[in-house]
Amino acid sequence: MINISGLSSRYAVRRLEARDVDAVVSLCRENTQFYLYCDAEPSAEQVLEDMSVTPPGVDPSDKYYTGFFLDDILIAVMDLIDGYPKPHIAFMGFFMVNKAFQGQNIGSSIIREASEYLKTLGKRAIRLAVDKGNPQSTHFWEKNGFAVLKEADRNGRTLLVAEKTL
């Protein structure tokens, strides 16, 4: 079990709920480059679904759809699955930093702190998938120690499955 407050010492971290949908949609809409590479548009319906959807066989209690806050400002959103696809791995289904806070090393510092915390829980790796061809996302994850393991097809889109050893 993940105590989400351990994911950051710099920001307040809490589970995002239906009352946060507008803030999440607003954060996502500002990140237009991300949506150039996937077949999605940020919407309230999409965010509400993302808040609850889990991979097959994963209990909803192992899903942590979290927000990182500075005062009342939503700085970043992270969707984290504990123990997927294996017990010693945490899967990051989504991570996005508020556009107003990009380029300040905030995203990297959140990933660094989250990685350190997950390691203390016995996690040995963090896994995620990136849209192939998205240079901004690919660069960010490589800069933060993730290496591509393989390509995967998801509904006709090619994803790069990447992992960081903790």
Protein backbone atom coordinates (compact mmCIF):
# COMPACT_ATOMS: atom_id res chain seq x y z
CA MET A 1 0.00 0.00 0.00
CA ILE A 2 1.24 3.43 -0.96
CA ASN A 3 0.97 6.36 1.43
CA ILE A 4 0.66 9.08 -1.20
CA SER A 5 2.00 11.79 1.08
CA GLY A 6 5.36 10.00 0.75
CA LEU A 7 5.49 10.79 -2.97
CA SER A 8 6.64 14.36 -2.31
CA SER A 9 8.09 16.39 0.52
CA ARG A 10 7.77 19.60 -1.49
CA TYR A 11 4.09 19.46 -2.49
CA ALA A 12 0.84 18.46 -0.84
CA VAL A 13 -0.31 15.22 -2.45
CA ARG A 14 -3.85 13.90 -2.33
CA ARG A 15 -6.15 11.62 -4.27
CA LEU A 16 -8.04 13.49 -6.94
CA GLU A 17 -11.81 13.23 -6.86
CA ALA A 18 -14.78 14.24 -9.00
CA ARG A 19 -14.64 17.74 -7.48
CA ASP A 20 -11.16 18.14 -9.06
CA VAL A 21 -12.18 17.27 -12.62
CA ASP A 22 -12.29 20.86 -13.88
CA ALA A 23 -8.80 21.58 -12.55
CA VAL A 24 -7.42 18.40 -14.16
CA VAL A 25 -9.10 19.15 -17.49
CA SER A 26 -7.72 22.69 -17.41
CA LEU A 27 -4.19 21.43 -16.69
CA CYS A 28 -4.47 18.89 -19.53
CA ARG A 29 -5.88 21.37 -22.06
CA GLU A 30 -2.84 23.60 -21.59
CA ASN A 31 -0.55 20.72 -22.61
CA THR A 32 -1.52 20.70 -26.27
CA GLN A 33 1.65 18.97 -27.51
CA PHE A 34 0.84 15.81 -25.56
CA TYR A 35 -2.53 15.50 -27.29
CA LEU A 36 -0.99 15.78 -30.76
CA TYR A 37 0.32 12.22 -30.29
CA CYS A 38 -2.69 10.43 -28.88
CA ASP A 39 -6.28 9.94 -29.93
CA ALA A 40 -7.81 11.82 -27.04
CA GLU A 41 -8.97 15.24 -26.05
CA PRO A 42 -9.08 16.27 -22.43
CA SER A 43 -12.66 16.20 -21.19
CA ALA A 44 -14.48 15.77 -17.91
CA GLU A 45 -15.74 12.35 -19.04
CA GLN A 46 -12.24 11.18 -19.95
CA VAL A 47 -10.77 12.39 -16.64
CA LEU A 48 -13.54 10.74 -14.61
CA GLU A 49 -12.89 7.47 -16.44
CA ASP A 50 -9.12 7.79 -15.89
CA MET A 51 -9.72 8.31 -12.18
CA SER A 52 -11.24 4.86 -11.82
CA VAL A 53 -10.05 2.60 -14.67
CA THR A 54 -7.54 -0.10 -13.78
CA PRO A 55 -5.74 -2.76 -15.80
CA PRO A 56 -7.36 -6.22 -15.82
CA GLY A 57 -6.99 -8.00 -12.50
CA VAL A 58 -5.96 -4.88 -10.56
CA ASP A 59 -8.00 -4.00 -7.50
CA PRO A 60 -9.19 -0.36 -7.45
CA SER A 61 -7.55 0.05 -4.03
CA ASP A 62 -4.16 -0.28 -5.79
CA LYS A 63 -4.82 2.77 -7.98
CA TYR A 64 -3.65 6.22 -6.90
CA TYR A 65 -4.88 9.03 -9.15
CA THR A 66 -3.14 11.88 -7.38
CA GLY A 67 -2.62 15.60 -7.54
CA PHE A 68 0.46 17.52 -6.42
CA PHE A 69 -0.47 20.93 -5.03
CA LEU A 70 1.38 24.12 -4.19
CA ASP A 71 -1.06 25.95 -1.95
CA ASP A 72 -4.29 25.51 -3.94
CA ILE A 73 -2.62 25.25 -7.35
CA LEU A 74 -2.60 21.87 -9.09
CA ILE A 75 1.04 21.47 -10.12
CA ALA A 76 0.94 17.92 -11.49
CA VAL A 77 -1.24 14.85 -11.94
CA MET A 78 0.06 11.31 -11.50
CA ASP A 79 -1.83 8.06 -12.05
CA LEU A 80 0.03 5.30 -10.23
CA ILE A 81 -0.83 1.59 -10.00
CA ASP A 82 0.78 -0.34 -7.14
CA GLY A 83 2.08 -3.79 -8.03
CA TYR A 84 1.41 -3.81 -11.77
CA PRO A 85 2.28 -5.74 -13.85
CA LYS A 86 4.23 -7.50 -11.09
CA PRO A 87 4.23 -6.93 -7.32
CA HIS A 88 7.67 -5.26 -7.34
CA ILE A 89 6.71 -2.75 -10.07
CA ALA A 90 4.69 0.46 -9.88
CA PHE A 91 3.02 1.46 -13.14
CA MET A 92 2.60 5.12 -13.98
CA GLY A 93 -0.38 5.39 -16.29
CA PHE A 94 -0.26 9.17 -16.60
CA PHE A 95 1.91 12.06 -15.49
CA MET A 96 1.49 15.67 -16.51
CA VAL A 97 2.86 18.92 -15.13
CA ASN A 98 0.94 22.18 -15.19
CA LYS A 99 2.20 24.12 -18.24
CA ALA A 100 2.89 27.20 -16.09
CA PHE A 101 5.40 25.14 -14.06
CA GLN A 102 7.18 23.31 -16.88
CA GLY A 103 10.84 23.97 -17.63
CA GLN A 104 11.63 24.50 -13.94
CA ASN A 105 12.70 20.91 -13.14
CA ILE A 106 9.50 20.42 -11.10
CA GLY A 107 8.40 17.32 -13.02
CA SER A 108 11.82 15.73 -12.67
CA SER A 109 11.93 16.51 -8.95
CA ILE A 110 8.51 14.89 -8.46
CA ILE A 111 9.63 11.78 -10.35
CA ARG A 112 12.87 11.66 -8.34
CA GLU A 113 11.08 11.91 -4.99
CA ALA A 114 8.38 9.43 -6.00
CA SER A 115 11.06 6.99 -7.17
CA GLU A 116 12.96 7.28 -3.90
CA TYR A 117 9.78 6.72 -1.89
CA LEU A 118 8.64 3.74 -3.97
CA LYS A 119 12.05 2.15 -3.50
CA THR A 120 11.61 2.35 0.30
CA LEU A 121 8.41 0.32 -0.17
CA GLY A 122 10.36 -2.45 -1.87
CA LYS A 123 9.50 -1.49 -5.44
CA ARG A 124 12.30 -2.34 -7.83
CA ALA A 125 11.03 -0.49 -10.89
CA ILE A 126 8.56 2.01 -12.30
CA ARG A 127 7.07 1.20 -15.68
CA LEU A 128 5.11 3.40 -18.08
CA ALA A 129 4.17 3.78 -21.73
CA VAL A 130 4.90 6.75 -24.00
CA ASP A 131 3.35 7.53 -27.36
CA LYS A 132 5.98 6.71 -29.97
CA GLY A 133 7.07 9.83 -31.79
CA ASN A 134 6.29 12.27 -28.97
CA PRO A 135 9.69 13.98 -28.61
CA GLN A 136 8.80 15.98 -25.49
CA SER A 137 7.60 12.95 -23.52
CA THR A 138 10.38 10.67 -24.76
CA HIS A 139 13.04 13.22 -23.79
CA PHE A 140 11.51 13.80 -20.35
CA TRP A 141 11.37 10.11 -19.46
CA GLU A 142 14.86 9.35 -20.80
CA LYS A 143 16.23 12.31 -18.84
CA ASN A 144 14.64 10.81 -15.73
CA GLY A 145 16.27 7.39 -16.12
CA PHE A 146 13.63 5.43 -18.05
CA ALA A 147 14.76 3.07 -20.81
CA VAL A 148 12.54 1.62 -23.53
CA LEU A 149 11.89 -2.10 -23.07
CA LYS A 150 9.69 -2.74 -26.09
CA GLU A 151 7.03 -1.37 -28.41
CA ALA A 152 3.38 -2.22 -27.90
CA ASP A 153 0.26 -1.65 -29.97
CA ARG A 154 -2.77 -0.12 -28.27
CA ASN A 155 -5.81 0.48 -30.43
CA GLY A 156 -3.65 1.13 -33.48
CA ARG A 157 -1.19 3.44 -31.66
CA THR A 158 2.40 2.43 -31.09
CA LEU A 159 3.54 2.90 -27.52
CA LEU A 160 7.02 2.64 -26.08
CA VAL A 161 7.00 0.66 -22.84
CA ALA A 162 9.75 2.10 -20.65
CA GLU A 163 11.06 1.27 -17.21
CA LYS A 164 13.26 2.80 -14.57
CA THR A 165 15.11 0.54 -12.18
CA LEU A 166 14.97 1.79 -8.60
